[in-house]
Amino acid sequence: MKTHTLNTKFCTLALVALIGGSLIPAEAQKTPTSAVACNFVGRFYLNPISLQGEVVGYFTNIHGIFNGMSAPLFNGSPSENTAFFTFRSDVFTLNPQPAGGLPANGDLVLFLVSAGKFNIFFHPAPNCDWSNLDTFSNGQQIANFTRPEVLDLQFKSISQHMITETLISSKTFTFNGYNYNFSELVPGGITLFETISNTSSLPALASYSIVLPFAGSGIAVASETDQQH
């Protein structure tokens, strides 16, 4: 009877460990090169007079950061208001023809978007608001990226572009009891693929009268170490 009891206890403990273990997130996991590293939702803010603008938004998932049922990337129902992880660009400039840009290619309008920086933030107590861009960048800055000049393709109803953001610095942060760092998640950076709606009418801001929604995905870029192998 004692042996049976001990075996029963051992099996019970093993089962609990097995079930519990499947719910425990691992430490930061590097995203394989060319794999999807993240998905995001954002808005594009533009001053049509100065042709300056910026983008802000939030991440729906980030590869390597556990986002199972017990630790979602939102503090409640998913939205910008509850997102733990957000992003914001610096102010950029669109350069159209003839002011140093490119001529239209048929009905395709081309813009050169100035080089700049892109930052990711962690909000332990998220409370972002599309009407206040500072709420997307008042959290803990955990990653800083730099980008070159890029080409924006503007169709009648949508715009599309790809941007390679190279990671230049990052800080370790703690999320749900685990430590993460973007130098481990995406050491080489990410290439963003974005689709912007040109037809939506969203509330304007005092400094930006044009506000357009967009969404997209980020693909992991090979690091210098990866390229040497």
Protein backbone atom coordinates (compact mmCIF):
# COMPACT_ATOMS: atom_id res chain seq x y z
CA MET A 1 0.00 0.00 0.00
CA LYS A 2 2.82 2.40 0.81
CA THR A 3 4.52 1.67 -2.52
CA HIS A 4 1.25 2.21 -4.39
CA THR A 5 0.68 5.48 -2.54
CA LEU A 6 4.17 6.72 -3.34
CA ASN A 7 3.83 5.77 -7.00
CA THR A 8 0.47 7.55 -7.17
CA LYS A 9 1.96 10.69 -5.65
CA PHE A 10 4.92 10.53 -8.04
CA CYS A 11 2.65 10.18 -11.08
CA THR A 12 0.47 13.03 -9.87
CA LEU A 13 3.47 15.30 -9.39
CA ALA A 14 4.84 14.34 -12.80
CA LEU A 15 1.49 15.10 -14.45
CA VAL A 16 1.24 18.47 -12.70
CA ALA A 17 4.79 19.30 -13.78
CA LEU A 18 4.03 18.26 -17.36
CA ILE A 19 0.83 20.29 -17.57
CA GLY A 20 2.26 23.22 -15.67
CA GLY A 21 5.46 23.14 -17.68
CA SER A 22 3.56 23.62 -20.93
CA LEU A 23 2.19 26.89 -19.57
CA ILE A 24 5.51 28.28 -18.41
CA PRO A 25 7.15 30.61 -20.95
CA ALA A 26 10.77 30.11 -21.90
CA GLU A 27 13.30 32.91 -21.77
CA ALA A 28 13.73 35.13 -24.82
CA GLN A 29 13.97 33.13 -28.02
CA LYS A 30 15.69 34.49 -31.10
CA THR A 31 13.45 34.74 -34.15
CA PRO A 32 14.88 32.73 -37.06
CA THR A 33 16.16 34.91 -39.89
CA SER A 34 13.39 35.73 -42.43
CA ALA A 35 10.68 34.49 -40.03
CA VAL A 36 7.85 36.74 -38.83
CA ALA A 37 9.09 38.52 -35.70
CA CYS A 38 6.00 40.61 -34.92
CA ASN A 39 2.66 41.95 -36.09
CA PHE A 40 1.42 45.45 -35.38
CA VAL A 41 -1.34 48.04 -35.81
CA GLY A 42 -0.66 51.74 -36.19
CA ARG A 43 -1.60 55.15 -37.49
CA PHE A 44 0.23 57.50 -39.84
CA TYR A 45 0.07 61.19 -38.95
CA LEU A 46 0.90 63.78 -41.62
CA ASN A 47 1.02 67.55 -41.96
CA PRO A 48 0.14 68.09 -45.67
CA ILE A 49 1.75 71.55 -45.69
CA SER A 50 5.19 70.66 -44.33
CA LEU A 51 4.94 67.02 -45.50
CA GLN A 52 6.28 65.97 -42.11
CA GLY A 53 4.80 63.16 -40.09
CA GLU A 54 5.29 60.29 -37.70
CA VAL A 55 3.80 56.92 -36.88
CA VAL A 56 2.71 55.30 -33.62
CA GLY A 57 1.08 51.99 -32.84
CA TYR A 58 1.05 48.78 -30.84
CA PHE A 59 2.14 45.17 -31.22
CA THR A 60 -0.37 42.33 -31.35
CA ASN A 61 2.38 39.74 -30.94
CA ILE A 62 6.17 39.58 -30.68
CA HIS A 63 7.92 36.28 -31.37
CA GLY A 64 9.87 35.04 -28.37
CA ILE A 65 7.75 36.89 -25.82
CA PHE A 66 5.25 34.46 -24.38
CA ASN A 67 1.71 35.44 -25.32
CA GLY A 68 -0.30 32.37 -24.41
CA MET A 69 -3.60 32.46 -22.56
CA SER A 70 -1.94 33.16 -19.21
CA ALA A 71 0.18 36.09 -20.45
CA PRO A 72 -1.33 38.02 -23.38
CA LEU A 73 0.30 41.18 -24.75
CA PHE A 74 -2.75 43.19 -23.65
CA ASN A 75 -4.05 44.20 -20.25
CA GLY A 76 -7.64 43.29 -21.07
CA SER A 77 -9.52 43.34 -24.39
CA PRO A 78 -6.97 43.94 -27.19
CA SER A 79 -6.70 47.57 -28.28
CA GLU A 80 -4.23 50.46 -28.31
CA ASN A 81 -5.47 51.36 -24.82
CA THR A 82 -4.44 48.00 -23.31
CA ALA A 83 -1.28 47.15 -25.28
CA PHE A 84 1.84 46.48 -23.23
CA PHE A 85 4.17 47.08 -26.21
CA THR A 86 4.04 50.12 -28.48
CA PHE A 87 6.20 51.93 -31.02
CA ARG A 88 6.83 55.45 -32.25
CA SER A 89 8.98 56.89 -35.01
CA ASP A 90 10.81 60.18 -34.99
CA VAL A 91 9.47 62.96 -37.23
CA PHE A 92 10.14 62.15 -40.90
CA THR A 93 9.69 64.07 -44.14
CA LEU A 94 8.07 62.95 -47.39
CA ASN A 95 9.93 64.18 -50.46
CA PRO A 96 7.63 64.21 -53.53
CA GLN A 97 8.35 65.46 -57.04
CA PRO A 98 9.46 68.10 -57.84
CA ALA A 99 11.03 68.96 -54.45
CA GLY A 100 13.85 66.44 -54.51
CA GLY A 101 11.64 63.39 -54.92
CA LEU A 102 10.66 61.06 -57.75
CA PRO A 103 8.25 61.63 -60.67
CA ALA A 104 4.97 59.73 -60.69
CA ASN A 105 5.05 56.40 -62.53
CA GLY A 106 1.69 56.39 -64.30
CA ASP A 107 -0.96 56.44 -61.58
CA LEU A 108 1.59 55.36 -58.97
CA VAL A 109 2.77 58.26 -56.78
CA LEU A 110 6.24 57.83 -55.29
CA PHE A 111 7.54 59.39 -52.09
CA LEU A 112 11.00 59.19 -50.61
CA VAL A 113 10.71 58.98 -46.82
CA SER A 114 13.65 60.50 -44.93
CA ALA A 115 15.98 58.35 -42.83
CA GLY A 116 15.48 58.32 -39.09
CA LYS A 117 14.80 56.29 -35.97
CA PHE A 118 12.12 53.99 -34.56
CA ASN A 119 11.63 53.07 -30.89
CA ILE A 120 9.75 50.35 -29.01
CA PHE A 121 8.28 50.91 -25.54
CA PHE A 122 7.01 48.70 -22.73
CA HIS A 123 4.06 49.95 -20.65
CA PRO A 124 3.55 48.07 -17.35
CA ALA A 125 0.23 49.96 -16.97
CA PRO A 126 -0.87 50.68 -20.57
CA ASN A 127 -3.18 53.58 -21.34
CA CYS A 128 -2.46 54.71 -24.92
CA ASP A 129 -4.73 57.07 -26.84
CA TRP A 130 -4.65 57.77 -30.60
CA SER A 131 -5.39 61.43 -29.87
CA ASN A 132 -2.21 61.83 -27.80
CA LEU A 133 0.94 60.50 -29.48
CA ASP A 134 2.99 60.93 -26.32
CA THR A 135 1.02 58.16 -24.62
CA PHE A 136 2.67 55.69 -27.01
CA SER A 137 6.17 56.76 -25.99
CA ASN A 138 5.86 57.51 -22.26
CA GLY A 139 6.63 53.94 -21.24
CA GLN A 140 10.00 52.25 -20.76
CA GLN A 141 12.04 52.53 -23.97
CA ILE A 142 13.35 49.02 -24.60
CA ALA A 143 14.67 49.14 -28.18
CA ASN A 144 16.02 51.74 -30.57
CA PHE A 145 16.33 51.17 -34.33
CA THR A 146 17.70 53.22 -37.21
CA ARG A 147 16.42 53.21 -40.79
CA PRO A 148 17.70 54.49 -44.15
CA GLU A 149 15.70 56.55 -46.63
CA VAL A 150 12.89 54.40 -48.03
CA LEU A 151 10.45 54.43 -50.93
CA ASP A 152 6.70 54.76 -50.30
CA LEU A 153 4.35 53.53 -53.04
CA GLN A 154 1.02 55.34 -53.08
CA PHE A 155 -1.86 53.80 -54.99
CA LYS A 156 -5.36 55.26 -55.19
CA SER A 157 -6.74 53.60 -52.07
CA ILE A 158 -3.65 52.25 -50.30
CA SER A 159 0.05 52.89 -49.79
CA GLN A 160 2.72 50.27 -49.23
CA HIS A 161 6.34 50.29 -48.20
CA MET A 162 9.09 48.16 -46.68
CA ILE A 163 11.54 49.49 -44.11
CA THR A 164 14.55 47.73 -42.63
CA GLU A 165 15.01 48.87 -39.05
CA THR A 166 18.48 48.02 -37.73
CA LEU A 167 18.73 47.49 -33.98
CA ILE A 168 21.27 49.91 -32.47
CA SER A 169 20.50 49.60 -28.74
CA SER A 170 18.18 47.75 -26.36
CA LYS A 171 17.48 47.34 -22.65
CA THR A 172 16.47 44.28 -20.67
CA PHE A 173 12.90 44.43 -19.38
CA THR A 174 10.81 42.15 -17.21
CA PHE A 175 7.42 40.98 -18.43
CA ASN A 176 5.31 38.53 -16.41
CA GLY A 177 8.32 37.56 -14.34
CA TYR A 178 10.66 36.84 -17.24
CA ASN A 179 13.53 38.92 -18.62
CA TYR A 180 13.70 39.81 -22.31
CA ASN A 181 15.94 41.88 -24.55
CA PHE A 182 15.51 42.72 -28.23
CA SER A 183 19.23 42.03 -28.73
CA GLU A 184 18.27 38.39 -28.17
CA LEU A 185 14.89 38.46 -29.93
CA VAL A 186 15.96 40.21 -33.16
CA PRO A 187 19.70 40.99 -32.90
CA GLY A 188 19.93 42.11 -36.53
CA GLY A 189 16.73 44.16 -36.52
CA ILE A 190 13.46 43.82 -38.44
CA THR A 191 12.13 44.59 -41.91
CA LEU A 192 8.64 46.09 -41.66
CA PHE A 193 6.01 45.44 -44.33
CA GLU A 194 3.20 47.99 -43.99
CA THR A 195 -0.11 48.63 -45.77
CA ILE A 196 -1.75 52.04 -45.25
CA SER A 197 -5.33 52.96 -46.12
CA ASN A 198 -5.59 56.26 -48.04
CA THR A 199 -9.38 56.43 -47.86
CA SER A 200 -10.14 56.22 -44.14
CA SER A 201 -11.13 59.41 -42.36
CA LEU A 202 -9.82 59.42 -38.80
CA PRO A 203 -9.89 62.25 -36.23
CA ALA A 204 -7.18 64.82 -36.95
CA LEU A 205 -4.77 66.37 -34.48
CA ALA A 206 -3.78 70.02 -34.20
CA SER A 207 -0.38 69.36 -35.76
CA TYR A 208 -1.44 66.57 -38.13
CA SER A 209 -4.58 67.06 -40.18
CA ILE A 210 -4.21 63.76 -42.06
CA VAL A 211 -4.43 60.55 -40.03
CA LEU A 212 -4.39 57.17 -41.79
CA PRO A 213 -4.60 53.64 -40.35
CA PHE A 214 -2.11 50.90 -41.18
CA ALA A 215 -1.08 47.41 -40.14
CA GLY A 216 1.73 45.05 -40.98
CA SER A 217 4.33 42.51 -40.03
CA GLY A 218 8.02 42.53 -39.17
CA ILE A 219 10.52 40.00 -40.54
CA ALA A 220 13.70 39.16 -38.63
CA VAL A 221 16.93 40.37 -40.24
CA ALA A 222 20.18 38.40 -40.08
CA SER A 223 22.67 39.73 -37.57
CA GLU A 224 26.35 40.25 -38.37
CA THR A 225 27.11 37.03 -36.51
CA ASP A 226 24.59 35.12 -38.64
CA GLN A 227 26.09 36.54 -41.82
CA GLN A 228 29.56 35.31 -40.85
CA HIS A 229 28.44 31.68 -40.64
